[in-house]
Amino acid sequence: MTSRREWLRRTWRRLWRPPRRLRTTAAGRTYLVLTFGVGLGALNTGNNLLYLVVGLQLSLIVVSGILSERCVRRLRVRRLLPVLPRARTPFHLGWGLRLEKGHAFALAVSEVHPVLGTAVGRLAWLPPDEEVVVRAVASAPRRGPLALETIRVSTTFPFGLFVKSRDIDLGGELLVLPGRVACHPEPPSPASGLGLEQRSLRGLDGGGDLAQLRELREGEDARRIHWRKSAQLGTLLRVERDAQPQPRIMLQLDDRAAPEALDGRCEELAARAEILLARGAEVGLESTGGLRLAPASGALQSQVLLRALARAGYPGEPA
């Protein structure tokens, strides 16, 4: 039912939306005032020269409309979103512009969005049949998914008198991750609600105590050879050591809190998770809403945790 209502809303808005938007610049308003004044002078005096000047001024307005339309009419746009944008941190929005035939000049590209609408990318010249990427610096005040629906392309070509805009429907979503905050690197205490479990594994590249010696296999790292024992036995022996104990931590999140409090908690957990993962720990996440991410380590787990914290408290499945 919700999807049908959303489809009806978009269709209704598309039907009533004008195909182009036109507004005057400061130079354009001055030009219109002058044209109106010359026209009044021509009507009052009947001077043929003034009629000629008015005709030239009006023809420039018509030419401006035709040339600006050629710049935006067949323009193709694709959106280029940042991979890991953070709240309150500037990031780059990108758009790929392509025009199969003809040239386009003085282009401005932006998102029709209350948060990202102030980020505008500008391009002086777009050659034919060549994609050019335009970027703009944007920022979001808080974490969460931002629904993107429309891209607006504008041009002031050729005389800078008018700004003609075309709205292009292109759905998408930008997931803004929690902002960066300072976090104490100390391990969590039992009273903080964060579980901590020490474990020890035997690994090929561990840094713990000596576990065993075995023959070196083809393709293995020669830096792990025990040269003294290898010289005594006449064969290359490889050292295997116990992996150093690594903490396994499960972060706890109450996603039923108020939005501002939830944002602060997500930022705190994101900062703690990044510190722990950088130290080689395995970090997971549990929320009161039923979300559970198994503990793991590495850069991929960091992205998974940040995306889950970014969607906490919002409808929809976490990504």
C-alpha atoms as a PDB file:
ATOM      1  CA  MET A   1       0.000   0.000   0.000  1.00  0.00           C
ATOM      2  CA  THR A   2       2.844   2.344   0.818  1.00  0.00           C
ATOM      3  CA  SER A   3       4.630   1.656  -2.456  1.00  0.00           C
ATOM      4  CA  ARG A   4       1.441   2.292  -4.426  1.00  0.00           C
ATOM      5  CA  ARG A   5       0.865   5.568  -2.595  1.00  0.00           C
ATOM      6  CA  GLU A   6       4.443   6.604  -3.280  1.00  0.00           C
ATOM      7  CA  TRP A   7       4.028   5.764  -6.970  1.00  0.00           C
ATOM      8  CA  LEU A   8       0.842   7.836  -7.176  1.00  0.00           C
ATOM      9  CA  ARG A   9       2.564  10.756  -5.461  1.00  0.00           C
ATOM     10  CA  ARG A  10       5.474  10.682  -7.888  1.00  0.00           C
ATOM     11  CA  THR A  11       3.189  10.371 -10.911  1.00  0.00           C
ATOM     12  CA  TRP A  12       1.039  13.289  -9.781  1.00  0.00           C
ATOM     13  CA  ARG A  13       4.069  15.444  -9.164  1.00  0.00           C
ATOM     14  CA  ARG A  14       5.535  14.529 -12.569  1.00  0.00           C
ATOM     15  CA  LEU A  15       2.317  15.469 -14.364  1.00  0.00           C
ATOM     16  CA  TRP A  16       2.120  18.895 -12.743  1.00  0.00           C
ATOM     17  CA  ARG A  17       5.800  19.679 -12.937  1.00  0.00           C
ATOM     18  CA  PRO A  18       6.742  22.124 -15.704  1.00  0.00           C
ATOM     19  CA  PRO A  19       9.109  20.702 -18.333  1.00  0.00           C
ATOM     20  CA  ARG A  20      11.524  23.596 -17.780  1.00  0.00           C
ATOM     21  CA  ARG A  21      12.150  26.169 -15.083  1.00  0.00           C
ATOM     22  CA  LEU A  22      13.203  29.690 -16.023  1.00  0.00           C
ATOM     23  CA  ARG A  23      14.382  32.511 -13.810  1.00  0.00           C
ATOM     24  CA  THR A  24      16.159  35.732 -14.564  1.00  0.00           C
ATOM     25  CA  THR A  25      19.607  36.738 -13.406  1.00  0.00           C
ATOM     26  CA  ALA A  26      20.534  40.225 -12.199  1.00  0.00           C
ATOM     27  CA  ALA A  27      21.759  41.081 -15.698  1.00  0.00           C
ATOM     28  CA  GLY A  28      18.567  39.627 -17.153  1.00  0.00           C
ATOM     29  CA  ARG A  29      16.340  41.803 -14.968  1.00  0.00           C
ATOM     30  CA  THR A  30      18.273  44.888 -16.007  1.00  0.00           C
ATOM     31  CA  TYR A  31      17.974  43.866 -19.637  1.00  0.00           C
ATOM     32  CA  LEU A  32      14.204  43.380 -19.353  1.00  0.00           C
ATOM     33  CA  VAL A  33      13.777  46.784 -17.721  1.00  0.00           C
ATOM     34  CA  LEU A  34      15.761  48.412 -20.535  1.00  0.00           C
ATOM     35  CA  THR A  35      13.746  46.560 -23.150  1.00  0.00           C
ATOM     36  CA  PHE A  36      10.499  47.661 -21.541  1.00  0.00           C
ATOM     37  CA  GLY A  37      11.739  51.260 -21.373  1.00  0.00           C
ATOM     38  CA  VAL A  38      12.824  51.315 -25.017  1.00  0.00           C
ATOM     39  CA  GLY A  39       9.482  49.821 -26.011  1.00  0.00           C
ATOM     40  CA  LEU A  40       7.571  52.546 -24.171  1.00  0.00           C
ATOM     41  CA  GLY A  41       9.748  55.157 -25.832  1.00  0.00           C
ATOM     42  CA  ALA A  42       9.057  53.673 -29.254  1.00  0.00           C
ATOM     43  CA  LEU A  43       5.281  53.695 -28.645  1.00  0.00           C
ATOM     44  CA  ASN A  44       5.262  57.272 -27.393  1.00  0.00           C
ATOM     45  CA  THR A  45       7.527  58.762 -30.051  1.00  0.00           C
ATOM     46  CA  GLY A  46       6.865  56.506 -33.028  1.00  0.00           C
ATOM     47  CA  ASN A  47      10.582  56.533 -33.825  1.00  0.00           C
ATOM     48  CA  ASN A  48      11.442  53.751 -36.273  1.00  0.00           C
ATOM     49  CA  LEU A  49      14.963  53.443 -34.861  1.00  0.00           C
ATOM     50  CA  LEU A  50      13.568  52.680 -31.415  1.00  0.00           C
ATOM     51  CA  TYR A  51      11.283  50.042 -32.933  1.00  0.00           C
ATOM     52  CA  LEU A  52      14.345  48.454 -34.526  1.00  0.00           C
ATOM     53  CA  VAL A  53      16.189  48.437 -31.197  1.00  0.00           C
ATOM     54  CA  VAL A  54      13.209  46.843 -29.435  1.00  0.00           C
ATOM     55  CA  GLY A  55      13.019  44.192 -32.134  1.00  0.00           C
ATOM     56  CA  LEU A  56      16.692  43.374 -31.695  1.00  0.00           C
ATOM     57  CA  GLN A  57      16.302  43.151 -27.920  1.00  0.00           C
ATOM     58  CA  LEU A  58      13.310  40.817 -28.186  1.00  0.00           C
ATOM     59  CA  SER A  59      15.101  38.664 -30.758  1.00  0.00           C
ATOM     60  CA  LEU A  60      17.992  38.209 -28.333  1.00  0.00           C
ATOM     61  CA  ILE A  61      15.526  36.831 -25.761  1.00  0.00           C
ATOM     62  CA  VAL A  62      14.192  34.343 -28.319  1.00  0.00           C
ATOM     63  CA  VAL A  63      17.696  33.295 -29.374  1.00  0.00           C
ATOM     64  CA  SER A  64      18.658  32.856 -25.712  1.00  0.00           C
ATOM     65  CA  GLY A  65      15.731  30.487 -25.171  1.00  0.00           C
ATOM     66  CA  ILE A  66      16.544  28.386 -28.257  1.00  0.00           C
ATOM     67  CA  LEU A  67      20.258  28.003 -27.535  1.00  0.00           C
ATOM     68  CA  SER A  68      19.765  27.256 -23.832  1.00  0.00           C
ATOM     69  CA  GLU A  69      17.219  24.567 -24.717  1.00  0.00           C
ATOM     70  CA  ARG A  70      19.756  22.866 -26.981  1.00  0.00           C
ATOM     71  CA  CYS A  71      22.164  22.655 -24.040  1.00  0.00           C
ATOM     72  CA  VAL A  72      19.821  20.760 -21.696  1.00  0.00           C
ATOM     73  CA  ARG A  73      17.341  18.965 -23.933  1.00  0.00           C
ATOM     74  CA  ARG A  74      19.223  15.762 -24.853  1.00  0.00           C
ATOM     75  CA  LEU A  75      21.604  15.768 -21.933  1.00  0.00           C
ATOM     76  CA  ARG A  76      22.158  12.419 -20.196  1.00  0.00           C
ATOM     77  CA  VAL A  77      23.153  12.302 -16.545  1.00  0.00           C
ATOM     78  CA  ARG A  78      24.299   9.552 -14.211  1.00  0.00           C
ATOM     79  CA  ARG A  79      24.913   9.971 -10.500  1.00  0.00           C
ATOM     80  CA  LEU A  80      28.252   9.156  -8.839  1.00  0.00           C
ATOM     81  CA  LEU A  81      27.905   8.763  -5.063  1.00  0.00           C
ATOM     82  CA  PRO A  82      30.709   8.589  -2.487  1.00  0.00           C
ATOM     83  CA  VAL A  83      31.400   5.186  -0.973  1.00  0.00           C
ATOM     84  CA  LEU A  84      31.704   6.034   2.729  1.00  0.00           C
ATOM     85  CA  PRO A  85      30.400   9.559   3.439  1.00  0.00           C
ATOM     86  CA  ARG A  86      30.445  10.631   7.082  1.00  0.00           C
ATOM     87  CA  ALA A  87      28.088  13.027   8.826  1.00  0.00           C
ATOM     88  CA  ARG A  88      29.399  16.596   9.327  1.00  0.00           C
ATOM     89  CA  THR A  89      32.379  15.798   7.097  1.00  0.00           C
ATOM     90  CA  PRO A  90      32.580  17.222   3.550  1.00  0.00           C
ATOM     91  CA  PHE A  91      32.372  14.646   0.775  1.00  0.00           C
ATOM     92  CA  HIS A  92      32.154  14.769  -3.014  1.00  0.00           C
ATOM     93  CA  LEU A  93      29.028  14.255  -5.076  1.00  0.00           C
ATOM     94  CA  GLY A  94      29.592  13.502  -8.748  1.00  0.00           C
ATOM     95  CA  TRP A  95      27.556  13.474 -11.941  1.00  0.00           C
ATOM     96  CA  GLY A  96      28.537  12.105 -15.327  1.00  0.00           C
ATOM     97  CA  LEU A  97      27.250  14.347 -18.152  1.00  0.00           C
ATOM     98  CA  ARG A  98      27.015  13.246 -21.777  1.00  0.00           C
ATOM     99  CA  LEU A  99      25.578  14.868 -24.895  1.00  0.00           C
ATOM    100  CA  GLU A 100      25.491  12.765 -28.056  1.00  0.00           C
ATOM    101  CA  LYS A 101      25.239  15.656 -30.527  1.00  0.00           C
ATOM    102  CA  GLY A 102      26.150  19.294 -30.238  1.00  0.00           C
ATOM    103  CA  HIS A 103      27.870  21.231 -27.495  1.00  0.00           C
ATOM    104  CA  ALA A 104      26.675  22.466 -24.114  1.00  0.00           C
ATOM    105  CA  PHE A 105      28.003  25.444 -22.205  1.00  0.00           C
ATOM    106  CA  ALA A 106      27.764  27.015 -18.755  1.00  0.00           C
ATOM    107  CA  LEU A 107      26.160  23.992 -17.058  1.00  0.00           C
ATOM    108  CA  ALA A 108      25.330  23.668 -13.371  1.00  0.00           C
ATOM    109  CA  VAL A 109      24.283  20.338 -11.796  1.00  0.00           C
ATOM    110  CA  SER A 110      22.708  19.772  -8.388  1.00  0.00           C
ATOM    111  CA  GLU A 111      20.399  17.458  -6.475  1.00  0.00           C
ATOM    112  CA  VAL A 112      16.803  18.451  -5.782  1.00  0.00           C
ATOM    113  CA  HIS A 113      17.101  17.678  -2.079  1.00  0.00           C
ATOM    114  CA  PRO A 114      16.670  19.735   1.120  1.00  0.00           C
ATOM    115  CA  VAL A 115      20.072  18.662   2.477  1.00  0.00           C
ATOM    116  CA  LEU A 116      22.234  18.194  -0.617  1.00  0.00           C
ATOM    117  CA  GLY A 117      20.629  20.844  -2.817  1.00  0.00           C
ATOM    118  CA  THR A 118      23.239  23.469  -1.945  1.00  0.00           C
ATOM    119  CA  ALA A 119      26.051  21.431  -3.529  1.00  0.00           C
ATOM    120  CA  VAL A 120      26.370  22.594  -7.144  1.00  0.00           C
ATOM    121  CA  GLY A 121      28.829  21.277  -9.727  1.00  0.00           C
ATOM    122  CA  ARG A 122      29.715  23.554 -12.634  1.00  0.00           C
ATOM    123  CA  LEU A 123      31.025  22.864 -16.129  1.00  0.00           C
ATOM    124  CA  ALA A 124      32.043  25.480 -18.660  1.00  0.00           C
ATOM    125  CA  TRP A 125      31.941  23.300 -21.796  1.00  0.00           C
ATOM    126  CA  LEU A 126      30.640  19.815 -22.594  1.00  0.00           C
ATOM    127  CA  PRO A 127      32.013  18.384 -25.863  1.00  0.00           C
ATOM    128  CA  PRO A 128      29.818  16.140 -28.035  1.00  0.00           C
ATOM    129  CA  ASP A 129      29.653  12.365 -27.434  1.00  0.00           C
ATOM    130  CA  GLU A 130      32.016  12.483 -24.458  1.00  0.00           C
ATOM    131  CA  GLU A 131      31.208  11.959 -20.793  1.00  0.00           C
ATOM    132  CA  VAL A 132      32.558  14.552 -18.401  1.00  0.00           C
ATOM    133  CA  VAL A 133      32.381  14.085 -14.627  1.00  0.00           C
ATOM    134  CA  VAL A 134      31.345  17.114 -12.574  1.00  0.00           C
ATOM    135  CA  ARG A 135      31.872  17.114  -8.806  1.00  0.00           C
ATOM    136  CA  ALA A 136      30.649  19.239  -5.931  1.00  0.00           C
ATOM    137  CA  VAL A 137      31.451  19.338  -2.211  1.00  0.00           C
ATOM    138  CA  ALA A 138      28.492  18.462   0.014  1.00  0.00           C
ATOM    139  CA  SER A 139      27.896  17.619   3.655  1.00  0.00           C
ATOM    140  CA  ALA A 140      25.117  16.094   5.737  1.00  0.00           C
ATOM    141  CA  PRO A 141      24.363  17.182   9.314  1.00  0.00           C
ATOM    142  CA  ARG A 142      23.448  13.699  10.550  1.00  0.00           C
ATOM    143  CA  ARG A 143      23.678  10.042   9.682  1.00  0.00           C
ATOM    144  CA  GLY A 144      21.074   7.979   7.849  1.00  0.00           C
ATOM    145  CA  PRO A 145      19.816   7.155   4.357  1.00  0.00           C
ATOM    146  CA  LEU A 146      19.003  10.089   2.071  1.00  0.00           C
ATOM    147  CA  ALA A 147      16.522   9.349  -0.723  1.00  0.00           C
ATOM    148  CA  LEU A 148      17.566  10.977  -3.998  1.00  0.00           C
ATOM    149  CA  GLU A 149      14.952  11.348  -6.723  1.00  0.00           C
ATOM    150  CA  THR A 150      15.757  14.236  -9.067  1.00  0.00           C
ATOM    151  CA  ILE A 151      18.826  15.872 -10.598  1.00  0.00           C
ATOM    152  CA  ARG A 152      18.564  19.468 -11.790  1.00  0.00           C
ATOM    153  CA  VAL A 153      20.675  20.646 -14.736  1.00  0.00           C
ATOM    154  CA  SER A 154      20.799  24.399 -15.400  1.00  0.00           C
ATOM    155  CA  THR A 155      22.496  26.673 -17.901  1.00  0.00           C
ATOM    156  CA  THR A 156      22.934  30.424 -18.338  1.00  0.00           C
ATOM    157  CA  PHE A 157      24.069  30.094 -21.955  1.00  0.00           C
ATOM    158  CA  PRO A 158      24.346  32.129 -24.135  1.00  0.00           C
ATOM    159  CA  PHE A 159      24.045  35.641 -22.683  1.00  0.00           C
ATOM    160  CA  GLY A 160      23.662  35.036 -18.954  1.00  0.00           C
ATOM    161  CA  LEU A 161      20.254  36.698 -18.889  1.00  0.00           C
ATOM    162  CA  PHE A 162      18.216  33.664 -17.819  1.00  0.00           C
ATOM    163  CA  VAL A 163      18.810  30.415 -15.927  1.00  0.00           C
ATOM    164  CA  LYS A 164      17.006  27.549 -17.658  1.00  0.00           C
ATOM    165  CA  SER A 165      16.704  24.344 -15.637  1.00  0.00           C
ATOM    166  CA  ARG A 166      15.665  20.811 -16.478  1.00  0.00           C
ATOM    167  CA  ASP A 167      14.731  18.254 -13.817  1.00  0.00           C
ATOM    168  CA  ILE A 168      15.788  14.678 -14.560  1.00  0.00           C
ATOM    169  CA  ASP A 169      14.190  11.844 -12.552  1.00  0.00           C
ATOM    170  CA  LEU A 170      16.878   9.461 -11.303  1.00  0.00           C
ATOM    171  CA  GLY A 171      16.253   7.488  -8.140  1.00  0.00           C
ATOM    172  CA  GLY A 172      18.984   6.585  -5.700  1.00  0.00           C
ATOM    173  CA  GLU A 173      20.033   6.528  -2.071  1.00  0.00           C
ATOM    174  CA  LEU A 174      22.989   8.007  -0.240  1.00  0.00           C
ATOM    175  CA  LEU A 175      23.775   6.339   3.064  1.00  0.00           C
ATOM    176  CA  VAL A 176      25.535   8.789   5.385  1.00  0.00           C
ATOM    177  CA  LEU A 177      27.623   7.031   8.020  1.00  0.00           C
ATOM    178  CA  PRO A 178      27.896   8.227  11.628  1.00  0.00           C
ATOM    179  CA  GLY A 179      30.154  11.225  12.153  1.00  0.00           C
ATOM    180  CA  ARG A 180      33.608  10.974  13.630  1.00  0.00           C
ATOM    181  CA  VAL A 181      33.901  11.670  17.347  1.00  0.00           C
ATOM    182  CA  ALA A 182      36.638  11.241  19.924  1.00  0.00           C
ATOM    183  CA  CYS A 183      36.504   7.946  21.779  1.00  0.00           C
ATOM    184  CA  HIS A 184      38.518   6.541  24.677  1.00  0.00           C
ATOM    185  CA  PRO A 185      40.592   3.597  23.442  1.00  0.00           C
ATOM    186  CA  GLU A 186      40.336   1.684  26.732  1.00  0.00           C
ATOM    187  CA  PRO A 187      38.587  -1.689  26.523  1.00  0.00           C
ATOM    188  CA  PRO A 188      34.992  -1.701  27.745  1.00  0.00           C
ATOM    189  CA  SER A 189      34.211  -2.598  31.307  1.00  0.00           C
ATOM    190  CA  PRO A 190      31.701  -5.333  32.196  1.00  0.00           C
ATOM    191  CA  ALA A 191      29.272  -2.669  33.407  1.00  0.00           C
ATOM    192  CA  SER A 192      29.221  -0.952  29.999  1.00  0.00           C
ATOM    193  CA  GLY A 193      27.177  -3.713  28.378  1.00  0.00           C
ATOM    194  CA  LEU A 194      29.941  -4.731  25.954  1.00  0.00           C
ATOM    195  CA  GLY A 195      30.864  -8.414  26.044  1.00  0.00           C
ATOM    196  CA  LEU A 196      34.566  -9.263  25.920  1.00  0.00           C
ATOM    197  CA  GLU A 197      35.909 -12.774  25.285  1.00  0.00           C
ATOM    198  CA  GLN A 198      39.597 -13.656  24.915  1.00  0.00           C
ATOM    199  CA  ARG A 199      40.532 -16.439  22.527  1.00  0.00           C
ATOM    200  CA  SER A 200      43.754 -17.963  21.153  1.00  0.00           C
ATOM    201  CA  LEU A 201      44.207 -19.563  17.746  1.00  0.00           C
ATOM    202  CA  ARG A 202      47.178 -21.116  15.973  1.00  0.00           C
ATOM    203  CA  GLY A 203      47.891 -19.230  12.755  1.00  0.00           C
ATOM    204  CA  LEU A 204      50.492 -19.162   9.996  1.00  0.00           C
ATOM    205  CA  ASP A 205      51.542 -15.599  10.775  1.00  0.00           C
ATOM    206  CA  GLY A 206      50.903 -15.421  14.498  1.00  0.00           C
ATOM    207  CA  GLY A 207      53.053 -13.326  16.778  1.00  0.00           C
ATOM    208  CA  GLY A 208      52.775 -15.412  19.911  1.00  0.00           C
ATOM    209  CA  ASP A 209      54.816 -18.292  21.327  1.00  0.00           C
ATOM    210  CA  LEU A 210      56.527 -20.894  19.153  1.00  0.00           C
ATOM    211  CA  ALA A 211      54.075 -23.662  18.242  1.00  0.00           C
ATOM    212  CA  GLN A 212      55.969 -25.976  15.900  1.00  0.00           C
ATOM    213  CA  LEU A 213      58.442 -26.312  13.036  1.00  0.00           C
ATOM    214  CA  ARG A 214      57.531 -27.896   9.718  1.00  0.00           C
ATOM    215  CA  GLU A 215      58.931 -28.134   6.223  1.00  0.00           C
ATOM    216  CA  LEU A 216      58.578 -25.056   4.061  1.00  0.00           C
ATOM    217  CA  ARG A 217      56.070 -25.515   1.234  1.00  0.00           C
ATOM    218  CA  GLU A 218      56.442 -24.026  -2.206  1.00  0.00           C
ATOM    219  CA  GLY A 219      55.225 -20.451  -2.447  1.00  0.00           C
ATOM    220  CA  GLU A 220      55.375 -19.714   1.312  1.00  0.00           C
ATOM    221  CA  ASP A 221      57.074 -16.679   2.812  1.00  0.00           C
ATOM    222  CA  ALA A 222      60.814 -17.243   3.239  1.00  0.00           C
ATOM    223  CA  ARG A 223      60.914 -14.790   6.130  1.00  0.00           C
ATOM    224  CA  ARG A 224      59.363 -17.464   8.353  1.00  0.00           C
ATOM    225  CA  ILE A 225      62.284 -19.887   7.875  1.00  0.00           C
ATOM    226  CA  HIS A 226      64.158 -20.983  10.990  1.00  0.00           C
ATOM    227  CA  TRP A 227      67.664 -20.830   9.536  1.00  0.00           C
ATOM    228  CA  ARG A 228      69.575 -22.438  12.443  1.00  0.00           C
ATOM    229  CA  LYS A 229      67.391 -25.559  12.584  1.00  0.00           C
ATOM    230  CA  SER A 230      67.251 -25.712   8.795  1.00  0.00           C
ATOM    231  CA  ALA A 231      71.070 -25.742   8.638  1.00  0.00           C
ATOM    232  CA  GLN A 232      71.280 -28.514  11.244  1.00  0.00           C
ATOM    233  CA  LEU A 233      68.749 -30.793   9.529  1.00  0.00           C
ATOM    234  CA  GLY A 234      69.604 -29.910   5.937  1.00  0.00           C
ATOM    235  CA  THR A 235      66.049 -28.918   4.969  1.00  0.00           C
ATOM    236  CA  LEU A 236      64.118 -25.663   5.102  1.00  0.00           C
ATOM    237  CA  LEU A 237      61.911 -25.468   8.177  1.00  0.00           C
ATOM    238  CA  ARG A 238      59.143 -22.954   8.672  1.00  0.00           C
ATOM    239  CA  VAL A 239      58.157 -21.474  12.035  1.00  0.00           C
ATOM    240  CA  GLU A 240      54.530 -21.575  13.157  1.00  0.00           C
ATOM    241  CA  ARG A 241      53.531 -19.454  16.126  1.00  0.00           C
ATOM    242  CA  ASP A 242      50.384 -19.152  18.173  1.00  0.00           C
ATOM    243  CA  ALA A 243      48.270 -16.189  17.249  1.00  0.00           C
ATOM    244  CA  GLN A 244      48.197 -13.560  19.930  1.00  0.00           C
ATOM    245  CA  PRO A 245      44.995 -13.508  21.975  1.00  0.00           C
ATOM    246  CA  GLN A 246      42.429 -11.338  20.263  1.00  0.00           C
ATOM    247  CA  PRO A 247      39.376  -9.814  21.927  1.00  0.00           C
ATOM    248  CA  ARG A 248      35.933 -10.604  20.642  1.00  0.00           C
ATOM    249  CA  ILE A 249      33.581  -7.747  21.438  1.00  0.00           C
ATOM    250  CA  MET A 250      29.836  -7.444  20.926  1.00  0.00           C
ATOM    251  CA  LEU A 251      28.598  -3.853  20.869  1.00  0.00           C
ATOM    252  CA  GLN A 252      25.127  -3.202  22.288  1.00  0.00           C
ATOM    253  CA  LEU A 253      22.800  -0.596  20.764  1.00  0.00           C
ATOM    254  CA  ASP A 254      19.389   0.563  21.954  1.00  0.00           C
ATOM    255  CA  ASP A 255      17.787   1.766  18.704  1.00  0.00           C
ATOM    256  CA  ARG A 256      14.567   2.822  20.469  1.00  0.00           C
ATOM    257  CA  ALA A 257      16.125   6.005  21.853  1.00  0.00           C
ATOM    258  CA  ALA A 258      15.300   9.516  20.709  1.00  0.00           C
ATOM    259  CA  PRO A 259      16.853  10.519  17.363  1.00  0.00           C
ATOM    260  CA  GLU A 260      19.485  12.868  18.822  1.00  0.00           C
ATOM    261  CA  ALA A 261      20.484  10.438  21.551  1.00  0.00           C
ATOM    262  CA  LEU A 262      20.559   7.580  19.056  1.00  0.00           C
ATOM    263  CA  ASP A 263      22.820   9.567  16.730  1.00  0.00           C
ATOM    264  CA  GLY A 264      25.268  10.210  19.542  1.00  0.00           C
ATOM    265  CA  ARG A 265      25.268   6.565  20.607  1.00  0.00           C
ATOM    266  CA  CYS A 266      25.848   5.376  17.026  1.00  0.00           C
ATOM    267  CA  GLU A 267      28.765   7.763  16.606  1.00  0.00           C
ATOM    268  CA  GLU A 268      30.311   6.572  19.874  1.00  0.00           C
ATOM    269  CA  LEU A 269      29.949   2.905  18.889  1.00  0.00           C
ATOM    270  CA  ALA A 270      31.320   3.602  15.397  1.00  0.00           C
ATOM    271  CA  ALA A 271      34.430   5.271  16.848  1.00  0.00           C
ATOM    272  CA  ARG A 272      34.974   2.430  19.308  1.00  0.00           C
ATOM    273  CA  ALA A 273      34.489  -0.206  16.610  1.00  0.00           C
ATOM    274  CA  GLU A 274      37.064   1.428  14.338  1.00  0.00           C
ATOM    275  CA  ILE A 275      39.637   1.555  17.136  1.00  0.00           C
ATOM    276  CA  LEU A 276      39.081  -2.069  18.116  1.00  0.00           C
ATOM    277  CA  LEU A 277      39.156  -3.317  14.524  1.00  0.00           C
ATOM    278  CA  ALA A 278      42.384  -1.423  13.904  1.00  0.00           C
ATOM    279  CA  ARG A 279      43.895  -3.370  16.812  1.00  0.00           C
ATOM    280  CA  GLY A 280      42.877  -6.685  15.281  1.00  0.00           C
ATOM    281  CA  ALA A 281      39.855  -7.394  17.474  1.00  0.00           C
ATOM    282  CA  GLU A 282      36.693  -9.087  16.290  1.00  0.00           C
ATOM    283  CA  VAL A 283      33.710  -6.771  16.699  1.00  0.00           C
ATOM    284  CA  GLY A 284      29.986  -7.472  16.326  1.00  0.00           C
ATOM    285  CA  LEU A 285      26.762  -5.566  16.937  1.00  0.00           C
ATOM    286  CA  GLU A 286      23.459  -6.301  18.621  1.00  0.00           C
ATOM    287  CA  SER A 287      20.458  -3.997  18.838  1.00  0.00           C
ATOM    288  CA  THR A 288      17.183  -4.082  20.700  1.00  0.00           C
ATOM    289  CA  GLY A 289      15.399  -4.028  17.338  1.00  0.00           C
ATOM    290  CA  GLY A 290      16.627  -7.523  16.494  1.00  0.00           C
ATOM    291  CA  LEU A 291      19.719  -6.700  14.459  1.00  0.00           C
ATOM    292  CA  ARG A 292      22.717  -8.950  15.078  1.00  0.00           C
ATOM    293  CA  LEU A 293      26.050  -8.887  13.299  1.00  0.00           C
ATOM    294  CA  ALA A 294      28.423 -11.702  14.148  1.00  0.00           C
ATOM    295  CA  PRO A 295      31.870 -10.642  15.394  1.00  0.00           C
ATOM    296  CA  ALA A 296      34.514 -10.428  12.691  1.00  0.00           C
ATOM    297  CA  SER A 297      37.629  -8.441  11.909  1.00  0.00           C
ATOM    298  CA  GLY A 298      39.033  -6.547   8.954  1.00  0.00           C
ATOM    299  CA  ALA A 299      38.126  -3.573   6.783  1.00  0.00           C
ATOM    300  CA  LEU A 300      35.006  -5.243   5.407  1.00  0.00           C
ATOM    301  CA  GLN A 301      33.595  -5.713   8.906  1.00  0.00           C
ATOM    302  CA  SER A 302      34.241  -2.028   9.580  1.00  0.00           C
ATOM    303  CA  GLN A 303      32.107  -1.050   6.585  1.00  0.00           C
ATOM    304  CA  VAL A 304      29.356  -3.483   7.576  1.00  0.00           C
ATOM    305  CA  LEU A 305      29.225  -2.088  11.122  1.00  0.00           C
ATOM    306  CA  LEU A 306      29.217   1.538   9.959  1.00  0.00           C
ATOM    307  CA  ARG A 307      26.402   0.895   7.485  1.00  0.00           C
ATOM    308  CA  ALA A 308      24.362  -0.904  10.131  1.00  0.00           C
ATOM    309  CA  LEU A 309      24.836   1.966  12.579  1.00  0.00           C
ATOM    310  CA  ALA A 310      23.897   4.449   9.862  1.00  0.00           C
ATOM    311  CA  ARG A 311      20.533   2.703   9.319  1.00  0.00           C
ATOM    312  CA  ALA A 312      19.775   2.170  12.993  1.00  0.00           C
ATOM    313  CA  GLY A 313      16.407   3.667  13.877  1.00  0.00           C
ATOM    314  CA  TYR A 314      15.308   4.027  10.243  1.00  0.00           C
ATOM    315  CA  PRO A 315      12.713   1.782   8.562  1.00  0.00           C
ATOM    316  CA  GLY A 316      14.016  -0.903   6.267  1.00  0.00           C
ATOM    317  CA  GLU A 317      16.573  -3.653   6.484  1.00  0.00           C
ATOM    318  CA  PRO A 318      20.111  -2.682   7.354  1.00  0.00           C
ATOM    319  CA  ALA A 319      22.622  -3.024   4.558  1.00  0.00           C
END
